[in-house]
Amino acid sequence: MVRPAAGELRIDSTRCDGHGICVLTCPELLALDQWGYATVRSGKLDSPKAMRRARRAVARCPARALFIELAQ
């Protein structure tokens, strides 16, 4: 049986420009702070659905500030 990849969603805050597209794409994992920049609510990607949503948010980030760190 193949175990789905687990990981964690991370933000490089120095690259985030505050577009908010990631939060619209994945509101269960991300939120905006008081200045309009993305923050991680819960970065744990322990289900296939969470991983798919996180990958979609990473792909849509125009600043390329999001990334997924896979568990070892």
PDB file of N, CA and C in Angstrom:
ATOM      1  N   MET A   1       0.834  -1.174   0.000  1.00  0.00           N
ATOM      2  CA  MET A   1       0.000   0.000   0.000  1.00  0.00           C
ATOM      3  C   MET A   1       0.886   1.249   0.000  1.00  0.00           C
ATOM      4  N   VAL A   2       0.588   2.186  -0.876  1.00  0.00           N
ATOM      5  CA  VAL A   2       1.361   3.426  -0.974  1.00  0.00           C
ATOM      6  C   VAL A   2       0.763   4.466  -0.045  1.00  0.00           C
ATOM      7  N   ARG A   3       1.588   5.002   0.819  1.00  0.00           N
ATOM      8  CA  ARG A   3       1.143   6.029   1.746  1.00  0.00           C
ATOM      9  C   ARG A   3       1.216   7.391   1.065  1.00  0.00           C
ATOM     10  N   PRO A   4       0.169   8.230   1.177  1.00  0.00           N
ATOM     11  CA  PRO A   4       0.234   9.547   0.552  1.00  0.00           C
ATOM     12  C   PRO A   4       1.317  10.404   1.196  1.00  0.00           C
ATOM     13  N   ALA A   5       1.924  11.237   0.390  1.00  0.00           N
ATOM     14  CA  ALA A   5       2.969  12.123   0.900  1.00  0.00           C
ATOM     15  C   ALA A   5       2.384  13.085   1.921  1.00  0.00           C
ATOM     16  N   ALA A   6       3.086  13.269   3.003  1.00  0.00           N
ATOM     17  CA  ALA A   6       2.689  14.228   4.023  1.00  0.00           C
ATOM     18  C   ALA A   6       3.716  15.343   4.022  1.00  0.00           C
ATOM     19  N   GLY A   7       3.291  16.492   4.429  1.00  0.00           N
ATOM     20  CA  GLY A   7       4.207  17.611   4.448  1.00  0.00           C
ATOM     21  C   GLY A   7       3.624  18.788   5.188  1.00  0.00           C
ATOM     22  N   GLU A   8       4.217  19.939   4.954  1.00  0.00           N
ATOM     23  CA  GLU A   8       3.775  21.155   5.621  1.00  0.00           C
ATOM     24  C   GLU A   8       3.859  22.330   4.656  1.00  0.00           C
ATOM     25  N   LEU A   9       2.819  23.147   4.652  1.00  0.00           N
ATOM     26  CA  LEU A   9       2.780  24.339   3.826  1.00  0.00           C
ATOM     27  C   LEU A   9       3.546  25.447   4.538  1.00  0.00           C
ATOM     28  N   ARG A  10       4.418  26.113   3.813  1.00  0.00           N
ATOM     29  CA  ARG A  10       5.249  27.176   4.384  1.00  0.00           C
ATOM     30  C   ARG A  10       5.167  28.432   3.521  1.00  0.00           C
ATOM     31  N   ILE A  11       5.464  29.579   4.117  1.00  0.00           N
ATOM     32  CA  ILE A  11       5.497  30.854   3.408  1.00  0.00           C
ATOM     33  C   ILE A  11       6.849  31.508   3.604  1.00  0.00           C
ATOM     34  N   ASP A  12       7.438  31.977   2.508  1.00  0.00           N
ATOM     35  CA  ASP A  12       8.630  32.816   2.572  1.00  0.00           C
ATOM     36  C   ASP A  12       8.105  34.246   2.675  1.00  0.00           C
ATOM     37  N   SER A  13       8.011  34.759   3.886  1.00  0.00           N
ATOM     38  CA  SER A  13       7.386  36.065   4.119  1.00  0.00           C
ATOM     39  C   SER A  13       8.132  37.216   3.453  1.00  0.00           C
ATOM     40  N   THR A  14       9.398  37.021   3.114  1.00  0.00           N
ATOM     41  CA  THR A  14      10.141  38.087   2.433  1.00  0.00           C
ATOM     42  C   THR A  14       9.714  38.217   0.973  1.00  0.00           C
ATOM     43  N   ARG A  15       9.087  37.173   0.427  1.00  0.00           N
ATOM     44  CA  ARG A  15       8.637  37.207  -0.970  1.00  0.00           C
ATOM     45  C   ARG A  15       7.170  37.576  -1.122  1.00  0.00           C
ATOM     46  N   CYS A  16       6.383  37.413  -0.065  1.00  0.00           N
ATOM     47  CA  CYS A  16       4.939  37.652  -0.138  1.00  0.00           C
ATOM     48  C   CYS A  16       4.664  39.127  -0.410  1.00  0.00           C
ATOM     49  N   ASP A  17       3.825  39.386  -1.437  1.00  0.00           N
ATOM     50  CA  ASP A  17       3.445  40.751  -1.792  1.00  0.00           C
ATOM     51  C   ASP A  17       2.029  41.091  -1.362  1.00  0.00           C
ATOM     52  N   GLY A  18       1.341  40.172  -0.712  1.00  0.00           N
ATOM     53  CA  GLY A  18       0.007  40.437  -0.199  1.00  0.00           C
ATOM     54  C   GLY A  18      -1.098  40.418  -1.237  1.00  0.00           C
ATOM     55  N   HIS A  19      -0.937  39.633  -2.294  1.00  0.00           N
ATOM     56  CA  HIS A  19      -1.974  39.532  -3.323  1.00  0.00           C
ATOM     57  C   HIS A  19      -3.241  38.864  -2.780  1.00  0.00           C
ATOM     58  N   GLY A  20      -3.092  37.875  -1.909  1.00  0.00           N
ATOM     59  CA  GLY A  20      -4.226  37.196  -1.292  1.00  0.00           C
ATOM     60  C   GLY A  20      -4.841  36.075  -2.107  1.00  0.00           C
ATOM     61  N   ILE A  21      -4.284  35.780  -3.264  1.00  0.00           N
ATOM     62  CA  ILE A  21      -4.826  34.720  -4.113  1.00  0.00           C
ATOM     63  C   ILE A  21      -4.733  33.366  -3.411  1.00  0.00           C
ATOM     64  N   CYS A  22      -3.675  33.143  -2.688  1.00  0.00           N
ATOM     65  CA  CYS A  22      -3.495  31.873  -1.984  1.00  0.00           C
ATOM     66  C   CYS A  22      -4.575  31.667  -0.931  1.00  0.00           C
ATOM     67  N   VAL A  23      -4.942  32.736  -0.242  1.00  0.00           N
ATOM     68  CA  VAL A  23      -5.968  32.634   0.799  1.00  0.00           C
ATOM     69  C   VAL A  23      -7.331  32.346   0.180  1.00  0.00           C
ATOM     70  N   LEU A  24      -7.619  32.934  -0.962  1.00  0.00           N
ATOM     71  CA  LEU A  24      -8.872  32.642  -1.660  1.00  0.00           C
ATOM     72  C   LEU A  24      -8.904  31.203  -2.155  1.00  0.00           C
ATOM     73  N   THR A  25      -7.752  30.673  -2.516  1.00  0.00           N
ATOM     74  CA  THR A  25      -7.649  29.313  -3.028  1.00  0.00           C
ATOM     75  C   THR A  25      -7.719  28.280  -1.909  1.00  0.00           C
ATOM     76  N   CYS A  26      -7.139  28.584  -0.775  1.00  0.00           N
ATOM     77  CA  CYS A  26      -7.010  27.597   0.303  1.00  0.00           C
ATOM     78  C   CYS A  26      -7.256  28.237   1.675  1.00  0.00           C
ATOM     79  N   PRO A  27      -8.483  28.714   1.945  1.00  0.00           N
ATOM     80  CA  PRO A  27      -8.747  29.424   3.207  1.00  0.00           C
ATOM     81  C   PRO A  27      -8.666  28.548   4.457  1.00  0.00           C
ATOM     82  N   GLU A  28      -8.754  27.226   4.290  1.00  0.00           N
ATOM     83  CA  GLU A  28      -8.661  26.362   5.471  1.00  0.00           C
ATOM     84  C   GLU A  28      -7.226  26.239   5.985  1.00  0.00           C
ATOM     85  N   LEU A  29      -6.250  26.573   5.153  1.00  0.00           N
ATOM     86  CA  LEU A  29      -4.847  26.482   5.567  1.00  0.00           C
ATOM     87  C   LEU A  29      -4.179  27.849   5.729  1.00  0.00           C
ATOM     88  N   LEU A  30      -4.719  28.877   5.069  1.00  0.00           N
ATOM     89  CA  LEU A  30      -4.078  30.187   5.050  1.00  0.00           C
ATOM     90  C   LEU A  30      -5.041  31.289   5.486  1.00  0.00           C
ATOM     91  N   ALA A  31      -4.485  32.379   5.968  1.00  0.00           N
ATOM     92  CA  ALA A  31      -5.267  33.558   6.357  1.00  0.00           C
ATOM     93  C   ALA A  31      -4.439  34.800   6.060  1.00  0.00           C
ATOM     94  N   LEU A  32      -5.077  35.953   6.093  1.00  0.00           N
ATOM     95  CA  LEU A  32      -4.359  37.220   5.939  1.00  0.00           C
ATOM     96  C   LEU A  32      -4.119  37.828   7.304  1.00  0.00           C
ATOM     97  N   ASP A  33      -2.943  38.409   7.505  1.00  0.00           N
ATOM     98  CA  ASP A  33      -2.667  39.093   8.763  1.00  0.00           C
ATOM     99  C   ASP A  33      -3.252  40.509   8.707  1.00  0.00           C
ATOM    100  N   GLN A  34      -3.028  41.307   9.723  1.00  0.00           N
ATOM    101  CA  GLN A  34      -3.618  42.648   9.795  1.00  0.00           C
ATOM    102  C   GLN A  34      -3.109  43.597   8.719  1.00  0.00           C
ATOM    103  N   TRP A  35      -1.995  43.270   8.083  1.00  0.00           N
ATOM    104  CA  TRP A  35      -1.439  44.106   7.010  1.00  0.00           C
ATOM    105  C   TRP A  35      -1.768  43.562   5.620  1.00  0.00           C
ATOM    106  N   GLY A  36      -2.486  42.440   5.553  1.00  0.00           N
ATOM    107  CA  GLY A  36      -2.892  41.871   4.274  1.00  0.00           C
ATOM    108  C   GLY A  36      -1.937  40.856   3.681  1.00  0.00           C
ATOM    109  N   TYR A  37      -0.993  40.377   4.475  1.00  0.00           N
ATOM    110  CA  TYR A  37      -0.051  39.359   4.007  1.00  0.00           C
ATOM    111  C   TYR A  37      -0.492  37.978   4.482  1.00  0.00           C
ATOM    112  N   ALA A  38      -0.177  36.964   3.708  1.00  0.00           N
ATOM    113  CA  ALA A  38      -0.587  35.595   4.021  1.00  0.00           C
ATOM    114  C   ALA A  38       0.169  35.043   5.224  1.00  0.00           C
ATOM    115  N   THR A  39      -0.557  34.295   6.034  1.00  0.00           N
ATOM    116  CA  THR A  39       0.013  33.542   7.149  1.00  0.00           C
ATOM    117  C   THR A  39      -0.565  32.134   7.099  1.00  0.00           C
ATOM    118  N   VAL A  40       0.151  31.197   7.666  1.00  0.00           N
ATOM    119  CA  VAL A  40      -0.311  29.806   7.679  1.00  0.00           C
ATOM    120  C   VAL A  40      -1.152  29.584   8.929  1.00  0.00           C
ATOM    121  N   ARG A  41      -2.394  29.136   8.740  1.00  0.00           N
ATOM    122  CA  ARG A  41      -3.270  28.764   9.869  1.00  0.00           C
ATOM    123  C   ARG A  41      -2.839  27.409  10.400  1.00  0.00           C
ATOM    124  N   SER A  42      -2.861  26.452   9.487  1.00  0.00           N
ATOM    125  CA  SER A  42      -2.474  25.085   9.810  1.00  0.00           C
ATOM    126  C   SER A  42      -1.752  24.540   8.588  1.00  0.00           C
ATOM    127  N   GLY A  43      -0.466  24.369   8.707  1.00  0.00           N
ATOM    128  CA  GLY A  43       0.317  23.942   7.559  1.00  0.00           C
ATOM    129  C   GLY A  43       0.399  22.453   7.364  1.00  0.00           C
ATOM    130  N   LYS A  44      -0.151  21.678   8.289  1.00  0.00           N
ATOM    131  CA  LYS A  44      -0.053  20.220   8.193  1.00  0.00           C
ATOM    132  C   LYS A  44      -0.860  19.699   7.017  1.00  0.00           C
ATOM    133  N   LEU A  45      -0.188  18.973   6.155  1.00  0.00           N
ATOM    134  CA  LEU A  45      -0.813  18.405   4.965  1.00  0.00           C
ATOM    135  C   LEU A  45      -0.833  16.895   5.120  1.00  0.00           C
ATOM    136  N   ASP A  46      -1.770  16.409   5.917  1.00  0.00           N
ATOM    137  CA  ASP A  46      -1.793  14.991   6.233  1.00  0.00           C
ATOM    138  C   ASP A  46      -2.891  14.222   5.503  1.00  0.00           C
ATOM    139  N   SER A  47      -3.615  14.893   4.617  1.00  0.00           N
ATOM    140  CA  SER A  47      -4.622  14.198   3.818  1.00  0.00           C
ATOM    141  C   SER A  47      -4.409  14.540   2.338  1.00  0.00           C
ATOM    142  N   PRO A  48      -4.847  13.672   1.445  1.00  0.00           N
ATOM    143  CA  PRO A  48      -4.699  13.962   0.007  1.00  0.00           C
ATOM    144  C   PRO A  48      -5.420  15.251  -0.394  1.00  0.00           C
ATOM    145  N   LYS A  49      -6.582  15.521   0.197  1.00  0.00           N
ATOM    146  CA  LYS A  49      -7.326  16.737  -0.139  1.00  0.00           C
ATOM    147  C   LYS A  49      -6.541  17.983   0.274  1.00  0.00           C
ATOM    148  N   ALA A  50      -5.974  17.981   1.468  1.00  0.00           N
ATOM    149  CA  ALA A  50      -5.183  19.123   1.934  1.00  0.00           C
ATOM    150  C   ALA A  50      -3.963  19.335   1.045  1.00  0.00           C
ATOM    151  N   MET A  51      -3.326  18.248   0.621  1.00  0.00           N
ATOM    152  CA  MET A  51      -2.151  18.350  -0.243  1.00  0.00           C
ATOM    153  C   MET A  51      -2.534  18.945  -1.601  1.00  0.00           C
ATOM    154  N   ARG A  52      -3.663  18.497  -2.161  1.00  0.00           N
ATOM    155  CA  ARG A  52      -4.124  19.047  -3.448  1.00  0.00           C
ATOM    156  C   ARG A  52      -4.418  20.538  -3.345  1.00  0.00           C
ATOM    157  N   ARG A  53      -5.100  20.945  -2.294  1.00  0.00           N
ATOM    158  CA  ARG A  53      -5.443  22.356  -2.115  1.00  0.00           C
ATOM    159  C   ARG A  53      -4.185  23.200  -1.916  1.00  0.00           C
ATOM    160  N   ALA A  54      -3.232  22.675  -1.151  1.00  0.00           N
ATOM    161  CA  ALA A  54      -1.982  23.402  -0.924  1.00  0.00           C
ATOM    162  C   ALA A  54      -1.186  23.537  -2.218  1.00  0.00           C
ATOM    163  N   ARG A  55      -1.123  22.482  -3.006  1.00  0.00           N
ATOM    164  CA  ARG A  55      -0.412  22.553  -4.293  1.00  0.00           C
ATOM    165  C   ARG A  55      -1.050  23.578  -5.218  1.00  0.00           C
ATOM    166  N   ARG A  56      -2.372  23.650  -5.200  1.00  0.00           N
ATOM    167  CA  ARG A  56      -3.072  24.631  -6.027  1.00  0.00           C
ATOM    168  C   ARG A  56      -2.735  26.060  -5.565  1.00  0.00           C
ATOM    169  N   ALA A  57      -2.688  26.284  -4.260  1.00  0.00           N
ATOM    170  CA  ALA A  57      -2.336  27.609  -3.736  1.00  0.00           C
ATOM    171  C   ALA A  57      -0.901  27.975  -4.093  1.00  0.00           C
ATOM    172  N   VAL A  58       0.014  27.012  -3.986  1.00  0.00           N
ATOM    173  CA  VAL A  58       1.418  27.250  -4.348  1.00  0.00           C
ATOM    174  C   VAL A  58       1.519  27.640  -5.817  1.00  0.00           C
ATOM    175  N   ALA A  59       0.804  26.932  -6.664  1.00  0.00           N
ATOM    176  CA  ALA A  59       0.864  27.201  -8.107  1.00  0.00           C
ATOM    177  C   ALA A  59       0.290  28.566  -8.465  1.00  0.00           C
ATOM    178  N   ARG A  60      -0.682  29.045  -7.711  1.00  0.00           N
ATOM    179  CA  ARG A  60      -1.339  30.311  -8.032  1.00  0.00           C
ATOM    180  C   ARG A  60      -0.684  31.538  -7.411  1.00  0.00           C
ATOM    181  N   CYS A  61       0.291  31.360  -6.551  1.00  0.00           N
ATOM    182  CA  CYS A  61       0.954  32.499  -5.905  1.00  0.00           C
ATOM    183  C   CYS A  61       1.811  33.250  -6.926  1.00  0.00           C
ATOM    184  N   PRO A  62       1.460  34.504  -7.249  1.00  0.00           N
ATOM    185  CA  PRO A  62       2.236  35.246  -8.250  1.00  0.00           C
ATOM    186  C   PRO A  62       3.647  35.612  -7.779  1.00  0.00           C
ATOM    187  N   ALA A  63       3.860  35.684  -6.470  1.00  0.00           N
ATOM    188  CA  ALA A  63       5.174  36.039  -5.928  1.00  0.00           C
ATOM    189  C   ALA A  63       6.042  34.807  -5.656  1.00  0.00           C
ATOM    190  N   ARG A  64       5.468  33.614  -5.844  1.00  0.00           N
ATOM    191  CA  ARG A  64       6.175  32.360  -5.552  1.00  0.00           C
ATOM    192  C   ARG A  64       6.680  32.323  -4.105  1.00  0.00           C
ATOM    193  N   ALA A  65       5.830  32.788  -3.194  1.00  0.00           N
ATOM    194  CA  ALA A  65       6.209  32.845  -1.785  1.00  0.00           C
ATOM    195  C   ALA A  65       5.830  31.578  -1.015  1.00  0.00           C
ATOM    196  N   LEU A  66       4.962  30.750  -1.577  1.00  0.00           N
ATOM    197  CA  LEU A  66       4.521  29.525  -0.896  1.00  0.00           C
ATOM    198  C   LEU A  66       5.329  28.330  -1.372  1.00  0.00           C
ATOM    199  N   PHE A  67       5.549  27.388  -0.470  1.00  0.00           N
ATOM    200  CA  PHE A  67       6.175  26.133  -0.851  1.00  0.00           C
ATOM    201  C   PHE A  67       5.737  25.030   0.104  1.00  0.00           C
ATOM    202  N   ILE A  68       5.877  23.808  -0.339  1.00  0.00           N
ATOM    203  CA  ILE A  68       5.526  22.642   0.478  1.00  0.00           C
ATOM    204  C   ILE A  68       6.801  21.937   0.872  1.00  0.00           C
ATOM    205  N   GLU A  69       6.952  21.751   2.165  1.00  0.00           N
ATOM    206  CA  GLU A  69       8.098  21.016   2.702  1.00  0.00           C
ATOM    207  C   GLU A  69       7.623  19.612   3.019  1.00  0.00           C
ATOM    208  N   LEU A  70       8.115  18.634   2.255  1.00  0.00           N
ATOM    209  CA  LEU A  70       7.690  17.261   2.439  1.00  0.00           C
ATOM    210  C   LEU A  70       8.331  16.643   3.665  1.00  0.00           C
ATOM    211  N   ALA A  71       7.550  15.808   4.360  1.00  0.00           N
ATOM    212  CA  ALA A  71       8.046  15.111   5.541  1.00  0.00           C
ATOM    213  C   ALA A  71       9.025  14.018   5.120  1.00  0.00           C
ATOM    214  N   GLN A  72      10.010  13.804   5.934  1.00  0.00           N
ATOM    215  CA  GLN A  72      11.024  12.787   5.637  1.00  0.00           C
ATOM    216  C   GLN A  72      10.590  11.434   6.121  1.00  0.00           C
TER     217      GLN A  72
END
